[in-house]
Every structure is written in C-alpha cells, then in structure tokens.
Amino acid sequence: MYKDIDSHQRDSRTDGHQDGFKKNPNFRFFKKKTCRFCDMDRVPDYKEFDFLKKFVTEQGKILPRRITGTSAKHQRRLALEVKKARYMALLPFVKKY
C-alpha cells in the first residue's frame, strides 16, 4: 500500500560516469586523439618517410583514422603520400620475411 522510499532511491538512475565504471569492469576512459598534422601545421610528404613509418604497420598496411587520430583530410593525403613513398622505394610494400 505504501511506497518504500529506499526502493525508489535504488531504482533511480544517474548520469555519472562513476556508476558505469562500477557496473562494467571493462569501462575505460579514453583520451581524445588529435591529428598530428593539424597540431604541427604540417602536411604529409612522401620525402619524410621516417615520419610516415609511424602510420604504417610492420606488414605495410596504412593504419586507419580511428587508431592514428588523424583528421579525414590529412588521412586521405597521408594515404596518397605513403603510396608515393612506396612507388619511389622509400617505404616497403610488405615486410620482408
């Protein structure tokens, strides 16, 4: 007949991140990734192959935006410059076994 006040408080939801951490042990706080090219006012260039190596895996694959944090504009340019560097034999197409 009467509502239990304690049960009402237990059912109430909060928007706090702390509660999400307690409920989900896999919950992680991620630092927002920023574009290295935007930060340094720099444009990807095929001649800087040492810098381009940071955006390529050991197998020779170009890393995606979600991993590197580059902007869409610079990711497109980065892909073109990596391909140019490969064509000029500055970067390998694949890893040597």
N, C-alpha and C. Protein backbone atom coordinates (compact mmCIF):
# COMPACT_ATOMS: atom_id res chain seq x y z
N MET A 1 0.81 -1.17 0.00
CA MET A 1 0.00 0.00 0.00
C MET A 1 0.87 1.25 0.00
N TYR A 2 1.85 1.31 0.89
CA TYR A 2 2.73 2.47 0.91
C TYR A 2 3.99 2.17 0.13
N LYS A 3 4.47 3.19 -0.56
CA LYS A 3 5.70 3.01 -1.33
C LYS A 3 6.90 3.04 -0.41
N ASP A 4 7.81 2.16 -0.66
CA ASP A 4 9.04 2.13 0.11
C ASP A 4 10.01 3.16 -0.50
N ILE A 5 10.44 4.12 0.27
CA ILE A 5 11.30 5.19 -0.22
C ILE A 5 12.67 4.65 -0.62
N ASP A 6 13.19 3.70 0.13
CA ASP A 6 14.51 3.15 -0.17
C ASP A 6 14.54 2.45 -1.53
N SER A 7 13.48 1.73 -1.85
CA SER A 7 13.47 1.02 -3.14
C SER A 7 13.40 2.02 -4.29
N HIS A 8 12.72 3.15 -4.08
CA HIS A 8 12.65 4.17 -5.11
C HIS A 8 14.03 4.78 -5.37
N GLN A 9 14.78 5.00 -4.32
CA GLN A 9 16.11 5.58 -4.48
C GLN A 9 17.06 4.60 -5.14
N ARG A 10 16.90 3.33 -4.89
CA ARG A 10 17.76 2.34 -5.52
C ARG A 10 17.48 2.23 -7.02
N ASP A 11 16.25 2.46 -7.42
CA ASP A 11 15.88 2.33 -8.82
C ASP A 11 16.23 3.57 -9.64
N SER A 12 16.47 4.68 -8.98
CA SER A 12 16.74 5.90 -9.73
C SER A 12 18.09 5.79 -10.44
N ARG A 13 18.14 6.32 -11.65
CA ARG A 13 19.34 6.26 -12.47
C ARG A 13 20.07 7.59 -12.40
N THR A 14 21.39 7.53 -12.47
CA THR A 14 22.18 8.76 -12.52
C THR A 14 23.00 8.75 -13.79
N ASP A 15 23.42 9.92 -14.21
CA ASP A 15 24.23 10.04 -15.42
C ASP A 15 25.72 10.02 -15.12
N GLY A 16 26.10 9.74 -13.91
CA GLY A 16 27.51 9.79 -13.53
C GLY A 16 28.32 8.68 -14.18
N HIS A 17 29.55 9.00 -14.55
CA HIS A 17 30.43 8.01 -15.14
C HIS A 17 30.94 7.03 -14.10
N GLN A 18 30.95 7.44 -12.86
CA GLN A 18 31.44 6.59 -11.79
C GLN A 18 30.60 5.32 -11.69
N ASP A 19 29.27 5.46 -11.85
CA ASP A 19 28.40 4.30 -11.76
C ASP A 19 28.65 3.33 -12.90
N GLY A 20 28.92 3.86 -14.10
CA GLY A 20 29.22 2.99 -15.24
C GLY A 20 30.47 2.19 -15.01
N PHE A 21 31.43 2.77 -14.35
CA PHE A 21 32.68 2.06 -14.06
C PHE A 21 32.43 0.92 -13.08
N LYS A 22 31.57 1.17 -12.09
CA LYS A 22 31.29 0.13 -11.10
C LYS A 22 30.50 -1.03 -11.71
N LYS A 23 29.58 -0.72 -12.60
CA LYS A 23 28.74 -1.75 -13.20
C LYS A 23 29.49 -2.53 -14.27
N ASN A 24 30.36 -1.87 -15.02
CA ASN A 24 31.07 -2.52 -16.11
C ASN A 24 32.57 -2.46 -15.84
N PRO A 25 33.19 -3.57 -15.50
CA PRO A 25 34.63 -3.54 -15.19
C PRO A 25 35.49 -3.26 -16.42
N ASN A 26 34.95 -3.42 -17.62
CA ASN A 26 35.71 -3.17 -18.84
C ASN A 26 35.63 -1.72 -19.29
N PHE A 27 34.93 -0.88 -18.53
CA PHE A 27 34.76 0.53 -18.87
C PHE A 27 36.10 1.24 -18.76
N ARG A 28 36.51 1.95 -19.82
CA ARG A 28 37.80 2.65 -19.82
C ARG A 28 37.60 4.11 -20.21
N PHE A 29 38.46 4.94 -19.68
CA PHE A 29 38.47 6.34 -20.07
C PHE A 29 39.49 6.51 -21.18
N PHE A 30 39.08 7.04 -22.32
CA PHE A 30 39.97 7.22 -23.44
C PHE A 30 40.31 8.68 -23.63
N LYS A 31 41.55 8.94 -23.92
CA LYS A 31 41.98 10.29 -24.23
C LYS A 31 41.64 10.56 -25.70
N LYS A 32 41.07 11.71 -25.97
CA LYS A 32 40.70 12.03 -27.34
C LYS A 32 41.96 12.20 -28.17
N LYS A 33 41.99 11.55 -29.32
CA LYS A 33 43.16 11.61 -30.19
C LYS A 33 43.09 12.86 -31.05
N THR A 34 44.23 13.48 -31.23
CA THR A 34 44.30 14.68 -32.05
C THR A 34 45.17 14.40 -33.26
N CYS A 35 44.91 15.12 -34.31
CA CYS A 35 45.66 14.95 -35.55
C CYS A 35 47.06 15.55 -35.39
N ARG A 36 48.08 14.75 -35.66
CA ARG A 36 49.46 15.23 -35.54
C ARG A 36 49.76 16.31 -36.57
N PHE A 37 49.13 16.21 -37.72
CA PHE A 37 49.39 17.18 -38.79
C PHE A 37 48.75 18.53 -38.48
N CYS A 38 47.56 18.50 -37.90
CA CYS A 38 46.89 19.76 -37.52
C CYS A 38 47.64 20.44 -36.38
N ASP A 39 48.13 19.65 -35.42
CA ASP A 39 48.83 20.22 -34.27
C ASP A 39 50.12 20.90 -34.68
N MET A 40 50.84 20.32 -35.63
CA MET A 40 52.14 20.85 -36.02
C MET A 40 52.07 21.74 -37.25
N ASP A 41 50.87 22.01 -37.75
CA ASP A 41 50.69 22.77 -39.01
C ASP A 41 51.59 22.18 -40.09
N ARG A 42 51.40 20.91 -40.33
CA ARG A 42 52.26 20.15 -41.22
C ARG A 42 51.39 19.41 -42.24
N VAL A 43 51.95 19.15 -43.41
CA VAL A 43 51.26 18.40 -44.45
C VAL A 43 52.05 17.12 -44.70
N PRO A 44 51.38 15.97 -44.85
CA PRO A 44 52.13 14.74 -45.14
C PRO A 44 52.92 14.87 -46.44
N ASP A 45 54.16 14.40 -46.42
CA ASP A 45 55.01 14.48 -47.59
C ASP A 45 55.75 13.16 -47.76
N TYR A 46 55.83 12.66 -48.98
CA TYR A 46 56.44 11.36 -49.22
C TYR A 46 57.94 11.35 -48.94
N LYS A 47 58.57 12.51 -48.95
CA LYS A 47 60.01 12.59 -48.71
C LYS A 47 60.36 12.40 -47.23
N GLU A 48 59.40 12.58 -46.35
CA GLU A 48 59.61 12.37 -44.91
C GLU A 48 59.18 10.95 -44.55
N PHE A 49 59.86 9.98 -45.11
CA PHE A 49 59.45 8.59 -44.93
C PHE A 49 59.64 8.10 -43.50
N ASP A 50 60.56 8.70 -42.75
CA ASP A 50 60.71 8.31 -41.34
C ASP A 50 59.46 8.65 -40.54
N PHE A 51 58.85 9.79 -40.85
CA PHE A 51 57.62 10.20 -40.18
C PHE A 51 56.44 9.34 -40.66
N LEU A 52 56.44 8.98 -41.94
CA LEU A 52 55.35 8.17 -42.49
C LEU A 52 55.35 6.75 -41.94
N LYS A 53 56.51 6.27 -41.50
CA LYS A 53 56.60 4.91 -40.96
C LYS A 53 55.72 4.74 -39.72
N LYS A 54 55.45 5.83 -39.01
CA LYS A 54 54.62 5.78 -37.81
C LYS A 54 53.16 5.44 -38.14
N PHE A 55 52.77 5.67 -39.38
CA PHE A 55 51.39 5.46 -39.80
C PHE A 55 51.21 4.18 -40.60
N VAL A 56 52.25 3.34 -40.64
CA VAL A 56 52.21 2.09 -41.40
C VAL A 56 52.57 0.95 -40.45
N THR A 57 51.86 -0.18 -40.56
CA THR A 57 52.16 -1.33 -39.71
C THR A 57 53.41 -2.04 -40.21
N GLU A 58 53.85 -3.03 -39.44
CA GLU A 58 55.01 -3.82 -39.85
C GLU A 58 54.73 -4.59 -41.13
N GLN A 59 53.47 -4.92 -41.36
CA GLN A 59 53.09 -5.65 -42.56
C GLN A 59 52.97 -4.74 -43.77
N GLY A 60 53.03 -3.43 -43.56
CA GLY A 60 52.95 -2.48 -44.66
C GLY A 60 51.58 -1.87 -44.85
N LYS A 61 50.64 -2.17 -43.97
CA LYS A 61 49.29 -1.61 -44.10
C LYS A 61 49.23 -0.21 -43.50
N ILE A 62 48.46 0.66 -44.12
CA ILE A 62 48.26 2.02 -43.60
C ILE A 62 47.27 1.94 -42.44
N LEU A 63 47.64 2.53 -41.31
CA LEU A 63 46.77 2.49 -40.13
C LEU A 63 45.53 3.36 -40.34
N PRO A 64 44.36 2.94 -39.85
CA PRO A 64 43.14 3.72 -40.02
C PRO A 64 43.09 4.93 -39.09
N ARG A 65 42.17 5.82 -39.39
CA ARG A 65 41.98 7.06 -38.62
C ARG A 65 41.66 6.81 -37.17
N ARG A 66 40.85 5.81 -36.90
CA ARG A 66 40.43 5.56 -35.52
C ARG A 66 41.59 5.17 -34.63
N ILE A 67 42.66 4.67 -35.21
CA ILE A 67 43.84 4.32 -34.42
C ILE A 67 44.82 5.48 -34.35
N THR A 68 45.09 6.13 -35.48
CA THR A 68 46.08 7.21 -35.51
C THR A 68 45.53 8.53 -35.01
N GLY A 69 44.22 8.77 -35.19
CA GLY A 69 43.63 10.02 -34.74
C GLY A 69 43.78 11.15 -35.74
N THR A 70 44.19 10.87 -36.96
CA THR A 70 44.34 11.93 -37.95
C THR A 70 42.98 12.38 -38.45
N SER A 71 42.91 13.60 -38.95
CA SER A 71 41.66 14.12 -39.49
C SER A 71 41.42 13.47 -40.86
N ALA A 72 40.19 13.56 -41.35
CA ALA A 72 39.84 12.92 -42.62
C ALA A 72 40.65 13.50 -43.77
N LYS A 73 40.82 14.80 -43.75
CA LYS A 73 41.59 15.48 -44.80
C LYS A 73 43.03 14.98 -44.83
N HIS A 74 43.65 14.92 -43.67
CA HIS A 74 45.04 14.50 -43.61
C HIS A 74 45.19 12.99 -43.81
N GLN A 75 44.19 12.21 -43.47
CA GLN A 75 44.25 10.76 -43.69
C GLN A 75 44.25 10.46 -45.19
N ARG A 76 43.42 11.18 -45.94
CA ARG A 76 43.41 10.98 -47.39
C ARG A 76 44.76 11.36 -48.00
N ARG A 77 45.30 12.48 -47.56
CA ARG A 77 46.60 12.93 -48.06
C ARG A 77 47.71 11.97 -47.62
N LEU A 78 47.62 11.47 -46.41
CA LEU A 78 48.60 10.53 -45.88
C LEU A 78 48.63 9.26 -46.73
N ALA A 79 47.46 8.74 -47.09
CA ALA A 79 47.40 7.53 -47.91
C ALA A 79 48.08 7.76 -49.26
N LEU A 80 47.84 8.91 -49.87
CA LEU A 80 48.48 9.21 -51.15
C LEU A 80 50.00 9.32 -51.01
N GLU A 81 50.45 9.95 -49.95
CA GLU A 81 51.89 10.14 -49.75
C GLU A 81 52.59 8.82 -49.42
N VAL A 82 51.92 7.94 -48.68
CA VAL A 82 52.51 6.62 -48.39
C VAL A 82 52.63 5.83 -49.69
N LYS A 83 51.62 5.92 -50.54
CA LYS A 83 51.66 5.22 -51.82
C LYS A 83 52.76 5.78 -52.72
N LYS A 84 52.96 7.09 -52.69
CA LYS A 84 54.06 7.69 -53.46
C LYS A 84 55.40 7.21 -52.93
N ALA A 85 55.55 7.17 -51.61
CA ALA A 85 56.81 6.73 -51.00
C ALA A 85 57.08 5.26 -51.33
N ARG A 86 56.05 4.46 -51.40
CA ARG A 86 56.23 3.06 -51.80
C ARG A 86 56.70 2.97 -53.24
N TYR A 87 56.09 3.76 -54.11
CA TYR A 87 56.44 3.75 -55.53
C TYR A 87 57.88 4.21 -55.74
N MET A 88 58.33 5.16 -54.93
CA MET A 88 59.70 5.67 -55.03
C MET A 88 60.69 4.80 -54.26
N ALA A 89 60.22 3.69 -53.69
CA ALA A 89 61.04 2.73 -52.93
C ALA A 89 61.62 3.33 -51.65
N LEU A 90 60.92 4.29 -51.06
CA LEU A 90 61.32 4.84 -49.76
C LEU A 90 60.69 4.04 -48.62
N LEU A 91 59.51 3.48 -48.88
CA LEU A 91 58.83 2.61 -47.93
C LEU A 91 58.59 1.26 -48.60
N PRO A 92 58.69 0.17 -47.85
CA PRO A 92 58.42 -1.14 -48.46
C PRO A 92 56.92 -1.38 -48.63
N PHE A 93 56.58 -2.16 -49.66
CA PHE A 93 55.18 -2.53 -49.85
C PHE A 93 54.76 -3.53 -48.78
N VAL A 94 55.62 -4.52 -48.51
CA VAL A 94 55.35 -5.53 -47.49
C VAL A 94 56.62 -5.77 -46.70
N LYS A 95 56.44 -6.40 -45.55
CA LYS A 95 57.58 -6.73 -44.69
C LYS A 95 58.34 -7.91 -45.29
N LYS A 96 59.65 -7.86 -45.22
CA LYS A 96 60.48 -8.97 -45.69
C LYS A 96 60.54 -10.03 -44.62
N TYR A 97 60.35 -11.28 -45.02
CA TYR A 97 60.40 -12.39 -44.06
C TYR A 97 61.72 -13.10 -44.14
